Amino acid sequence: MGKQQDVGEADSHSGSGTTAHRPIGGSADARLALAQDPTTPQMTLIDLASDPSVLVRKAVAARVDAPAQALRPLTRDHDRQVREAVARNPSASIANLMRLVKDADRWVRWAVAGNPSCDESIRQVMSETSDKELRGLLAESRELEPELAARLIDDVSPEVRERLATHTHDPDVITALLADRTARVRKGVARNPRTTAEQRSALAADPVVDVRAALVRSVELSEADLARLVDDRAVQVRLAMATSEFVPPHIRQTLARDADEMVASAARDYRPGAGNASAVRAPRIAHRPSAAGTGRSGGGTTR
């Protein structure tokens, strides 16, 4: 989708739908319908951007064909849902996204993180923010530049490093986070399907139970690693193996004879495709709960 462009003055001699100015009037419902109508001229959308109805302004903010003159003032709208709609709009300009990524409301900032038009300049700001969730959303970005990923490797928040560990495609980042002293970060690496066989063997020997359990639920392992883990001292690890879709049948048959009845029962009752595996989650795209439509959702200051 193309980026927004400024609209010139209306041409009174033109019959073009992009410049003809349609008079605005009627009820709020009628103006909302006009804001949502794909044939509405852009000059009319500019007028609707200052409509007294929040719903009308939000409809304009969400339009990918809205002109820059319409979206620019909506980035400063007093209603955060309107600003959030601009933040999600893939046609929003970099200047508008830069303004919104610094918004006082967290939901507006987080919406920018999911905008496909974000570029390196936006991600740079995200990497420097004090907003931990925004840095976490950045850590899950597939377009993350190596220098920004390197900064997040040393992020003060273990959660941010864990999210980077789970989603990164950079082998150097995976190697660095494999040595992280925080178990939840190594657990993130264990869930990353882009680890090497050698790295998986190292994780299979991790001293923390949660790391080993996450590993067997998330990726395929070598026979040597499986043979060691099938006798793991932790019931939690063996139970994770019993219910993992990545464990081959002969290992599950061994677990069906496990000394712990819960493990043995889980292995015997396992059914492929029954939602047993713990797959890597897709990167989060922050969406406010629907109840937040009342304007009382947590976080951020409504301006």
C-alpha atoms as a PDB file:
ATOM      1  CA  MET A   1       0.000   0.000   0.000  1.00  0.00           C
ATOM      2  CA  GLY A   2       1.436   3.393  -0.944  1.00  0.00           C
ATOM      3  CA  LYS A   3       2.345   6.001   1.595  1.00  0.00           C
ATOM      4  CA  GLN A   4       0.042   8.951   2.114  1.00  0.00           C
ATOM      5  CA  GLN A   5       0.531  12.047   0.024  1.00  0.00           C
ATOM      6  CA  ASP A   6      -0.627  15.590   0.394  1.00  0.00           C
ATOM      7  CA  VAL A   7      -3.745  16.538  -1.482  1.00  0.00           C
ATOM      8  CA  GLY A   8      -3.736  19.772  -3.432  1.00  0.00           C
ATOM      9  CA  GLU A   9      -6.471  22.324  -3.716  1.00  0.00           C
ATOM     10  CA  ALA A  10      -9.703  21.052  -5.219  1.00  0.00           C
ATOM     11  CA  ASP A  11     -10.019  21.543  -8.975  1.00  0.00           C
ATOM     12  CA  SER A  12     -13.429  23.051  -9.627  1.00  0.00           C
ATOM     13  CA  HIS A  13     -13.216  21.930 -13.280  1.00  0.00           C
ATOM     14  CA  SER A  14     -12.384  18.325 -12.499  1.00  0.00           C
ATOM     15  CA  GLY A  15     -14.814  15.499 -12.102  1.00  0.00           C
ATOM     16  CA  SER A  16     -12.225  13.407 -10.243  1.00  0.00           C
ATOM     17  CA  GLY A  17     -13.500  11.671  -7.120  1.00  0.00           C
ATOM     18  CA  THR A  18     -10.221  12.485  -5.358  1.00  0.00           C
ATOM     19  CA  THR A  19     -10.709  16.236  -5.424  1.00  0.00           C
ATOM     20  CA  ALA A  20     -14.448  16.924  -5.701  1.00  0.00           C
ATOM     21  CA  HIS A  21     -15.641  18.310  -2.378  1.00  0.00           C
ATOM     22  CA  ARG A  22     -18.806  16.681  -1.079  1.00  0.00           C
ATOM     23  CA  PRO A  23     -20.805  18.769   1.390  1.00  0.00           C
ATOM     24  CA  ILE A  24     -20.936  17.363   4.933  1.00  0.00           C
ATOM     25  CA  GLY A  25     -24.060  17.365   7.012  1.00  0.00           C
ATOM     26  CA  GLY A  26     -26.669  15.151   8.592  1.00  0.00           C
ATOM     27  CA  SER A  27     -26.490  12.894  11.618  1.00  0.00           C
ATOM     28  CA  ALA A  28     -23.376  11.334  13.134  1.00  0.00           C
ATOM     29  CA  ASP A  29     -24.380   8.006  11.583  1.00  0.00           C
ATOM     30  CA  ALA A  30     -24.577   9.619   8.154  1.00  0.00           C
ATOM     31  CA  ARG A  31     -21.148  11.226   8.598  1.00  0.00           C
ATOM     32  CA  LEU A  32     -19.729   7.897   9.800  1.00  0.00           C
ATOM     33  CA  ALA A  33     -21.073   6.204   6.683  1.00  0.00           C
ATOM     34  CA  LEU A  34     -19.433   8.934   4.625  1.00  0.00           C
ATOM     35  CA  ALA A  35     -16.113   8.421   6.425  1.00  0.00           C
ATOM     36  CA  GLN A  36     -16.284   4.692   5.679  1.00  0.00           C
ATOM     37  CA  ASP A  37     -17.402   5.049   2.061  1.00  0.00           C
ATOM     38  CA  PRO A  38     -14.493   4.174  -0.272  1.00  0.00           C
ATOM     39  CA  THR A  39     -15.781   6.690  -2.837  1.00  0.00           C
ATOM     40  CA  THR A  40     -15.678   9.641  -0.452  1.00  0.00           C
ATOM     41  CA  PRO A  41     -13.349  12.350  -1.878  1.00  0.00           C
ATOM     42  CA  GLN A  42     -10.124  12.999  -0.010  1.00  0.00           C
ATOM     43  CA  MET A  43     -10.990  16.649   0.580  1.00  0.00           C
ATOM     44  CA  THR A  44     -14.101  15.463   2.377  1.00  0.00           C
ATOM     45  CA  LEU A  45     -12.004  13.090   4.503  1.00  0.00           C
ATOM     46  CA  ILE A  46      -9.873  16.052   5.532  1.00  0.00           C
ATOM     47  CA  ASP A  47     -13.000  17.826   6.762  1.00  0.00           C
ATOM     48  CA  LEU A  48     -14.225  14.692   8.537  1.00  0.00           C
ATOM     49  CA  ALA A  49     -10.916  14.465  10.416  1.00  0.00           C
ATOM     50  CA  SER A  50     -12.165  17.338  12.582  1.00  0.00           C
ATOM     51  CA  ASP A  51     -15.653  15.910  13.048  1.00  0.00           C
ATOM     52  CA  PRO A  52     -17.071  16.184  16.602  1.00  0.00           C
ATOM     53  CA  SER A  53     -17.799  12.430  16.626  1.00  0.00           C
ATOM     54  CA  VAL A  54     -14.962  10.179  17.835  1.00  0.00           C
ATOM     55  CA  LEU A  55     -16.306   7.333  15.701  1.00  0.00           C
ATOM     56  CA  VAL A  56     -16.127   9.435  12.571  1.00  0.00           C
ATOM     57  CA  ARG A  57     -12.570  10.600  13.276  1.00  0.00           C
ATOM     58  CA  LYS A  58     -11.531   7.037  14.098  1.00  0.00           C
ATOM     59  CA  ALA A  59     -12.975   5.814  10.794  1.00  0.00           C
ATOM     60  CA  VAL A  60     -10.932   8.414   8.923  1.00  0.00           C
ATOM     61  CA  ALA A  61      -7.819   7.502  10.932  1.00  0.00           C
ATOM     62  CA  ALA A  62      -8.131   3.853   9.894  1.00  0.00           C
ATOM     63  CA  ARG A  63      -8.426   4.511   6.157  1.00  0.00           C
ATOM     64  CA  VAL A  64      -5.322   3.502   4.212  1.00  0.00           C
ATOM     65  CA  ASP A  65      -6.265   6.004   1.514  1.00  0.00           C
ATOM     66  CA  ALA A  66      -6.625   8.919   3.915  1.00  0.00           C
ATOM     67  CA  PRO A  67      -4.495  11.920   2.857  1.00  0.00           C
ATOM     68  CA  ALA A  68      -1.697  13.254   5.020  1.00  0.00           C
ATOM     69  CA  GLN A  69      -3.726  16.381   5.832  1.00  0.00           C
ATOM     70  CA  ALA A  70      -6.335  14.142   7.438  1.00  0.00           C
ATOM     71  CA  LEU A  71      -4.034  11.874   9.424  1.00  0.00           C
ATOM     72  CA  ARG A  72      -1.591  14.482  10.668  1.00  0.00           C
ATOM     73  CA  PRO A  73      -4.007  16.262  13.060  1.00  0.00           C
ATOM     74  CA  LEU A  74      -5.432  12.918  14.171  1.00  0.00           C
ATOM     75  CA  THR A  75      -2.051  11.957  15.657  1.00  0.00           C
ATOM     76  CA  ARG A  76      -2.772  14.663  18.251  1.00  0.00           C
ATOM     77  CA  ASP A  77      -6.439  13.800  18.735  1.00  0.00           C
ATOM     78  CA  HIS A  78      -7.615  13.969  22.354  1.00  0.00           C
ATOM     79  CA  ASP A  79      -9.130  10.481  22.019  1.00  0.00           C
ATOM     80  CA  ARG A  80      -6.546   7.737  22.252  1.00  0.00           C
ATOM     81  CA  GLN A  81      -8.548   5.310  20.121  1.00  0.00           C
ATOM     82  CA  VAL A  82      -8.293   7.745  17.227  1.00  0.00           C
ATOM     83  CA  ARG A  83      -4.523   8.069  17.694  1.00  0.00           C
ATOM     84  CA  GLU A  84      -4.283   4.287  17.974  1.00  0.00           C
ATOM     85  CA  ALA A  85      -6.108   3.880  14.664  1.00  0.00           C
ATOM     86  CA  VAL A  86      -3.537   6.129  12.984  1.00  0.00           C
ATOM     87  CA  ALA A  87      -0.747   4.142  14.660  1.00  0.00           C
ATOM     88  CA  ARG A  88      -2.077   0.958  13.057  1.00  0.00           C
ATOM     89  CA  ASN A  89      -2.644   2.527   9.643  1.00  0.00           C
ATOM     90  CA  PRO A  90      -0.026   1.047   7.247  1.00  0.00           C
ATOM     91  CA  SER A  91      -0.209   4.225   5.155  1.00  0.00           C
ATOM     92  CA  ALA A  92       0.756   6.491   8.050  1.00  0.00           C
ATOM     93  CA  SER A  93       3.878   8.502   7.328  1.00  0.00           C
ATOM     94  CA  ILE A  94       7.132   7.937   9.186  1.00  0.00           C
ATOM     95  CA  ALA A  95       6.749  11.401  10.729  1.00  0.00           C
ATOM     96  CA  ASN A  96       3.331  10.470  12.113  1.00  0.00           C
ATOM     97  CA  LEU A  97       4.583   7.129  13.409  1.00  0.00           C
ATOM     98  CA  MET A  98       7.544   8.853  15.034  1.00  0.00           C
ATOM     99  CA  ARG A  99       5.146  11.133  16.896  1.00  0.00           C
ATOM    100  CA  LEU A 100       2.909   8.262  17.952  1.00  0.00           C
ATOM    101  CA  VAL A 101       5.697   5.959  19.147  1.00  0.00           C
ATOM    102  CA  LYS A 102       6.366   8.638  21.774  1.00  0.00           C
ATOM    103  CA  ASP A 103       2.677   9.009  22.673  1.00  0.00           C
ATOM    104  CA  ALA A 104       1.699   9.314  26.333  1.00  0.00           C
ATOM    105  CA  ASP A 105      -0.664   6.355  26.005  1.00  0.00           C
ATOM    106  CA  ARG A 106       0.972   2.914  26.003  1.00  0.00           C
ATOM    107  CA  TRP A 107      -1.622   1.318  23.716  1.00  0.00           C
ATOM    108  CA  VAL A 108      -0.900   3.908  21.065  1.00  0.00           C
ATOM    109  CA  ARG A 109       2.848   3.289  21.340  1.00  0.00           C
ATOM    110  CA  TRP A 110       2.379  -0.472  21.184  1.00  0.00           C
ATOM    111  CA  ALA A 111       0.175  -0.150  18.095  1.00  0.00           C
ATOM    112  CA  VAL A 112       3.049   1.521  16.254  1.00  0.00           C
ATOM    113  CA  ALA A 113       5.185  -1.577  16.878  1.00  0.00           C
ATOM    114  CA  GLY A 114       2.836  -3.667  14.759  1.00  0.00           C
ATOM    115  CA  ASN A 115       2.697  -1.204  11.868  1.00  0.00           C
ATOM    116  CA  PRO A 116       4.371  -2.711   8.764  1.00  0.00           C
ATOM    117  CA  SER A 117       5.566   0.757   7.746  1.00  0.00           C
ATOM    118  CA  CYS A 118       7.922   1.054  10.715  1.00  0.00           C
ATOM    119  CA  ASP A 119      11.474   1.679   9.569  1.00  0.00           C
ATOM    120  CA  GLU A 120      14.863   1.652  11.275  1.00  0.00           C
ATOM    121  CA  SER A 121      14.398   5.160  12.656  1.00  0.00           C
ATOM    122  CA  ILE A 122      11.224   4.076  14.476  1.00  0.00           C
ATOM    123  CA  ARG A 123      12.843   0.892  15.753  1.00  0.00           C
ATOM    124  CA  GLN A 124      15.796   2.945  17.008  1.00  0.00           C
ATOM    125  CA  VAL A 125      13.436   5.008  19.159  1.00  0.00           C
ATOM    126  CA  MET A 126      11.755   1.832  20.394  1.00  0.00           C
ATOM    127  CA  SER A 127      15.102   0.390  21.469  1.00  0.00           C
ATOM    128  CA  GLU A 128      15.825   3.460  23.596  1.00  0.00           C
ATOM    129  CA  THR A 129      12.440   3.760  25.282  1.00  0.00           C
ATOM    130  CA  SER A 130      11.844   3.122  28.970  1.00  0.00           C
ATOM    131  CA  ASP A 131       8.678   1.201  27.983  1.00  0.00           C
ATOM    132  CA  LYS A 132       9.601  -2.448  28.579  1.00  0.00           C
ATOM    133  CA  GLU A 133       6.675  -3.805  26.559  1.00  0.00           C
ATOM    134  CA  LEU A 134       7.591  -1.639  23.582  1.00  0.00           C
ATOM    135  CA  ARG A 135      11.153  -2.959  23.710  1.00  0.00           C
ATOM    136  CA  GLY A 136       9.698  -6.474  23.984  1.00  0.00           C
ATOM    137  CA  LEU A 137       7.613  -5.932  20.862  1.00  0.00           C
ATOM    138  CA  LEU A 138      10.745  -4.691  19.131  1.00  0.00           C
ATOM    139  CA  ALA A 139      12.603  -7.821  20.237  1.00  0.00           C
ATOM    140  CA  GLU A 140      10.021  -9.939  18.404  1.00  0.00           C
ATOM    141  CA  SER A 141      10.407  -7.984  15.160  1.00  0.00           C
ATOM    142  CA  ARG A 142      11.715 -10.025  12.250  1.00  0.00           C
ATOM    143  CA  GLU A 143      13.119  -6.879  10.620  1.00  0.00           C
ATOM    144  CA  LEU A 144      15.291  -6.097  13.642  1.00  0.00           C
ATOM    145  CA  GLU A 145      18.670  -4.672  12.626  1.00  0.00           C
ATOM    146  CA  PRO A 146      21.769  -6.482  14.011  1.00  0.00           C
ATOM    147  CA  GLU A 147      22.938  -3.416  15.945  1.00  0.00           C
ATOM    148  CA  LEU A 148      19.561  -3.073  17.658  1.00  0.00           C
ATOM    149  CA  ALA A 149      19.464  -6.791  18.425  1.00  0.00           C
ATOM    150  CA  ALA A 150      22.931  -6.442  19.966  1.00  0.00           C
ATOM    151  CA  ARG A 151      21.590  -3.700  22.222  1.00  0.00           C
ATOM    152  CA  LEU A 152      18.647  -5.850  23.321  1.00  0.00           C
ATOM    153  CA  ILE A 153      20.966  -8.750  24.187  1.00  0.00           C
ATOM    154  CA  ASP A 154      22.018  -6.646  27.176  1.00  0.00           C
ATOM    155  CA  ASP A 155      18.554  -5.272  27.933  1.00  0.00           C
ATOM    156  CA  VAL A 156      17.949  -4.746  31.635  1.00  0.00           C
ATOM    157  CA  SER A 157      14.664  -6.676  31.404  1.00  0.00           C
ATOM    158  CA  PRO A 158      14.874 -10.504  31.359  1.00  0.00           C
ATOM    159  CA  GLU A 159      11.466 -10.546  29.652  1.00  0.00           C
ATOM    160  CA  VAL A 160      12.774  -8.496  26.732  1.00  0.00           C
ATOM    161  CA  ARG A 161      15.798 -10.761  26.382  1.00  0.00           C
ATOM    162  CA  GLU A 162      13.540 -13.838  26.571  1.00  0.00           C
ATOM    163  CA  ARG A 163      11.326 -12.530  23.768  1.00  0.00           C
ATOM    164  CA  LEU A 164      14.398 -11.779  21.670  1.00  0.00           C
ATOM    165  CA  ALA A 165      15.731 -15.272  22.378  1.00  0.00           C
ATOM    166  CA  THR A 166      12.477 -16.896  21.279  1.00  0.00           C
ATOM    167  CA  HIS A 167      11.993 -14.978  18.033  1.00  0.00           C
ATOM    168  CA  THR A 168      15.410 -13.982  16.717  1.00  0.00           C
ATOM    169  CA  HIS A 169      16.649 -15.309  13.384  1.00  0.00           C
ATOM    170  CA  ASP A 170      20.204 -14.110  14.059  1.00  0.00           C
ATOM    171  CA  PRO A 171      22.557 -17.002  14.925  1.00  0.00           C
ATOM    172  CA  ASP A 172      24.951 -14.647  16.741  1.00  0.00           C
ATOM    173  CA  VAL A 173      22.135 -13.429  18.972  1.00  0.00           C
ATOM    174  CA  ILE A 174      21.089 -17.009  19.740  1.00  0.00           C
ATOM    175  CA  THR A 175      24.670 -17.874  20.686  1.00  0.00           C
ATOM    176  CA  ALA A 176      24.940 -14.859  22.983  1.00  0.00           C
ATOM    177  CA  LEU A 177      21.633 -15.498  24.739  1.00  0.00           C
ATOM    178  CA  LEU A 178      22.413 -19.180  25.193  1.00  0.00           C
ATOM    179  CA  ALA A 179      24.979 -18.008  27.741  1.00  0.00           C
ATOM    180  CA  ASP A 180      22.545 -15.683  29.550  1.00  0.00           C
ATOM    181  CA  ARG A 181      22.592 -16.267  33.299  1.00  0.00           C
ATOM    182  CA  THR A 182      18.822 -15.844  33.609  1.00  0.00           C
ATOM    183  CA  ALA A 183      16.958 -19.138  33.147  1.00  0.00           C
ATOM    184  CA  ARG A 184      13.905 -17.597  31.485  1.00  0.00           C
ATOM    185  CA  VAL A 185      16.148 -16.211  28.722  1.00  0.00           C
ATOM    186  CA  ARG A 186      17.665 -19.636  28.043  1.00  0.00           C
ATOM    187  CA  LYS A 187      14.108 -20.975  28.113  1.00  0.00           C
ATOM    188  CA  GLY A 188      13.371 -18.557  25.293  1.00  0.00           C
ATOM    189  CA  VAL A 189      16.329 -19.929  23.336  1.00  0.00           C
ATOM    190  CA  ALA A 190      15.028 -23.454  23.964  1.00  0.00           C
ATOM    191  CA  ARG A 191      11.762 -22.534  22.227  1.00  0.00           C
ATOM    192  CA  ASN A 192      13.526 -21.062  19.207  1.00  0.00           C
ATOM    193  CA  PRO A 193      13.330 -23.485  16.242  1.00  0.00           C
ATOM    194  CA  ARG A 194      16.427 -21.929  14.669  1.00  0.00           C
ATOM    195  CA  THR A 195      18.876 -23.353  17.215  1.00  0.00           C
ATOM    196  CA  THR A 196      21.569 -25.761  16.002  1.00  0.00           C
ATOM    197  CA  ALA A 197      21.866 -29.400  17.085  1.00  0.00           C
ATOM    198  CA  GLU A 198      24.866 -28.462  19.213  1.00  0.00           C
ATOM    199  CA  GLN A 199      22.942 -25.697  20.941  1.00  0.00           C
ATOM    200  CA  ARG A 200      20.039 -28.038  21.618  1.00  0.00           C
ATOM    201  CA  SER A 201      22.399 -30.533  23.222  1.00  0.00           C
ATOM    202  CA  ALA A 202      23.690 -27.787  25.498  1.00  0.00           C
ATOM    203  CA  LEU A 203      20.126 -26.843  26.444  1.00  0.00           C
ATOM    204  CA  ALA A 204      19.267 -30.498  27.094  1.00  0.00           C
ATOM    205  CA  ALA A 205      21.943 -30.424  29.790  1.00  0.00           C
ATOM    206  CA  ASP A 206      20.793 -27.105  31.271  1.00  0.00           C
ATOM    207  CA  PRO A 207      20.614 -27.257  35.084  1.00  0.00           C
ATOM    208  CA  VAL A 208      17.182 -25.580  35.163  1.00  0.00           C
ATOM    209  CA  VAL A 209      14.163 -27.867  34.780  1.00  0.00           C
ATOM    210  CA  ASP A 210      12.027 -25.254  32.991  1.00  0.00           C
ATOM    211  CA  VAL A 211      14.643 -24.881  30.267  1.00  0.00           C
ATOM    212  CA  ARG A 212      14.823 -28.605  29.578  1.00  0.00           C
ATOM    213  CA  ALA A 213      11.028 -28.928  29.648  1.00  0.00           C
ATOM    214  CA  ALA A 214      10.610 -26.040  27.189  1.00  0.00           C
ATOM    215  CA  LEU A 215      13.181 -27.647  24.902  1.00  0.00           C
ATOM    216  CA  VAL A 216      11.470 -31.027  24.608  1.00  0.00           C
ATOM    217  CA  ARG A 217       8.103 -29.361  23.979  1.00  0.00           C
ATOM    218  CA  SER A 218       9.415 -27.105  21.217  1.00  0.00           C
ATOM    219  CA  VAL A 219      11.987 -28.740  18.946  1.00  0.00           C
ATOM    220  CA  GLU A 220      13.256 -32.054  17.608  1.00  0.00           C
ATOM    221  CA  LEU A 221      16.248 -33.505  19.437  1.00  0.00           C
ATOM    222  CA  SER A 222      18.940 -36.009  18.594  1.00  0.00           C
ATOM    223  CA  GLU A 223      18.667 -39.608  19.745  1.00  0.00           C
ATOM    224  CA  ALA A 224      21.486 -39.012  22.224  1.00  0.00           C
ATOM    225  CA  ASP A 225      19.670 -36.062  23.807  1.00  0.00           C
ATOM    226  CA  LEU A 226      16.360 -37.941  23.879  1.00  0.00           C
ATOM    227  CA  ALA A 227      17.994 -40.957  25.514  1.00  0.00           C
ATOM    228  CA  ARG A 228      19.362 -38.741  28.262  1.00  0.00           C
ATOM    229  CA  LEU A 229      16.154 -36.812  28.814  1.00  0.00           C
ATOM    230  CA  VAL A 230      13.851 -39.851  28.882  1.00  0.00           C
ATOM    231  CA  ASP A 231      15.510 -40.658  32.222  1.00  0.00           C
ATOM    232  CA  ASP A 232      15.595 -37.042  33.386  1.00  0.00           C
ATOM    233  CA  ARG A 233      15.423 -36.721  37.152  1.00  0.00           C
ATOM    234  CA  ALA A 234      12.624 -34.154  36.884  1.00  0.00           C
ATOM    235  CA  VAL A 235       9.082 -35.419  36.434  1.00  0.00           C
ATOM    236  CA  GLN A 236       8.238 -32.111  34.752  1.00  0.00           C
ATOM    237  CA  VAL A 237      10.697 -32.825  31.923  1.00  0.00           C
ATOM    238  CA  ARG A 238       9.520 -36.382  31.373  1.00  0.00           C
ATOM    239  CA  LEU A 239       5.894 -35.228  31.423  1.00  0.00           C
ATOM    240  CA  ALA A 240       6.721 -32.572  28.817  1.00  0.00           C
ATOM    241  CA  MET A 241       8.267 -35.284  26.662  1.00  0.00           C
ATOM    242  CA  ALA A 242       5.232 -37.505  27.049  1.00  0.00           C
ATOM    243  CA  THR A 243       2.978 -34.786  25.640  1.00  0.00           C
ATOM    244  CA  SER A 244       5.302 -33.284  23.013  1.00  0.00           C
ATOM    245  CA  GLU A 245       4.616 -33.756  19.318  1.00  0.00           C
ATOM    246  CA  PHE A 246       8.365 -33.576  18.692  1.00  0.00           C
ATOM    247  CA  VAL A 247       9.080 -36.801  20.557  1.00  0.00           C
ATOM    248  CA  PRO A 248       9.208 -39.959  18.393  1.00  0.00           C
ATOM    249  CA  PRO A 249       6.941 -42.947  19.147  1.00  0.00           C
ATOM    250  CA  HIS A 250       9.663 -45.215  20.547  1.00  0.00           C
ATOM    251  CA  ILE A 251      10.548 -42.633  23.201  1.00  0.00           C
ATOM    252  CA  ARG A 252       6.884 -42.230  24.115  1.00  0.00           C
ATOM    253  CA  GLN A 253       6.600 -46.007  24.454  1.00  0.00           C
ATOM    254  CA  THR A 254       9.441 -45.904  26.975  1.00  0.00           C
ATOM    255  CA  LEU A 255       7.703 -43.115  28.863  1.00  0.00           C
ATOM    256  CA  ALA A 256       4.500 -45.176  28.951  1.00  0.00           C
ATOM    257  CA  ARG A 257       6.401 -47.438  31.389  1.00  0.00           C
ATOM    258  CA  ASP A 258       7.681 -44.526  33.489  1.00  0.00           C
ATOM    259  CA  ALA A 259       7.790 -45.012  37.255  1.00  0.00           C
ATOM    260  CA  ASP A 260       5.654 -41.913  37.687  1.00  0.00           C
ATOM    261  CA  GLU A 261       2.059 -42.826  36.834  1.00  0.00           C
ATOM    262  CA  MET A 262       1.223 -39.301  35.706  1.00  0.00           C
ATOM    263  CA  VAL A 263       3.999 -39.453  33.093  1.00  0.00           C
ATOM    264  CA  ALA A 264       3.105 -42.987  32.037  1.00  0.00           C
ATOM    265  CA  SER A 265      -0.572 -42.126  31.727  1.00  0.00           C
ATOM    266  CA  ALA A 266       0.183 -38.997  29.682  1.00  0.00           C
ATOM    267  CA  ALA A 267       2.352 -41.006  27.290  1.00  0.00           C
ATOM    268  CA  ARG A 268      -0.293 -43.713  26.874  1.00  0.00           C
ATOM    269  CA  ASP A 269      -3.092 -41.167  26.343  1.00  0.00           C
ATOM    270  CA  TYR A 270      -1.165 -38.977  23.898  1.00  0.00           C
ATOM    271  CA  ARG A 271      -2.975 -38.269  20.634  1.00  0.00           C
ATOM    272  CA  PRO A 272      -1.174 -36.459  17.786  1.00  0.00           C
ATOM    273  CA  GLY A 273      -2.599 -33.078  16.909  1.00  0.00           C
ATOM    274  CA  ALA A 274      -4.517 -32.761  20.171  1.00  0.00           C
ATOM    275  CA  GLY A 275      -2.827 -29.500  21.108  1.00  0.00           C
ATOM    276  CA  ASN A 276      -0.125 -31.152  23.185  1.00  0.00           C
ATOM    277  CA  ALA A 277       2.813 -29.211  21.775  1.00  0.00           C
ATOM    278  CA  SER A 278       3.984 -25.816  22.957  1.00  0.00           C
ATOM    279  CA  ALA A 279       4.735 -24.084  19.674  1.00  0.00           C
ATOM    280  CA  VAL A 280       6.537 -20.781  19.447  1.00  0.00           C
ATOM    281  CA  ARG A 281       3.954 -18.030  19.613  1.00  0.00           C
ATOM    282  CA  ALA A 282       3.738 -15.508  16.823  1.00  0.00           C
ATOM    283  CA  PRO A 283       5.079 -12.082  17.731  1.00  0.00           C
ATOM    284  CA  ARG A 284       2.600 -10.130  19.780  1.00  0.00           C
ATOM    285  CA  ILE A 285       0.640  -7.344  18.155  1.00  0.00           C
ATOM    286  CA  ALA A 286      -0.614  -5.263  21.016  1.00  0.00           C
ATOM    287  CA  HIS A 287      -4.386  -4.884  20.978  1.00  0.00           C
ATOM    288  CA  ARG A 288      -6.381  -3.314  23.737  1.00  0.00           C
ATOM    289  CA  PRO A 289      -9.087  -5.590  25.196  1.00  0.00           C
ATOM    290  CA  SER A 290     -12.485  -4.797  23.736  1.00  0.00           C
ATOM    291  CA  ALA A 291     -13.701  -3.625  27.134  1.00  0.00           C
ATOM    292  CA  ALA A 292     -11.228  -0.793  26.816  1.00  0.00           C
ATOM    293  CA  GLY A 293     -13.549   0.830  24.318  1.00  0.00           C
ATOM    294  CA  THR A 294     -15.096   2.606  27.261  1.00  0.00           C
ATOM    295  CA  GLY A 295     -11.930   4.711  27.442  1.00  0.00           C
ATOM    296  CA  ARG A 296     -10.907   3.312  30.842  1.00  0.00           C
ATOM    297  CA  SER A 297      -8.346   0.742  29.751  1.00  0.00           C
ATOM    298  CA  GLY A 298      -5.213   0.466  31.803  1.00  0.00           C
ATOM    299  CA  GLY A 299      -2.065   2.346  30.967  1.00  0.00           C
ATOM    300  CA  GLY A 300      -1.178   5.628  29.429  1.00  0.00           C
ATOM    301  CA  THR A 301      -2.624   9.038  29.879  1.00  0.00           C
ATOM    302  CA  THR A 302      -5.513  10.124  27.739  1.00  0.00           C
ATOM    303  CA  ARG A 303      -4.840  13.550  26.467  1.00  0.00           C
END
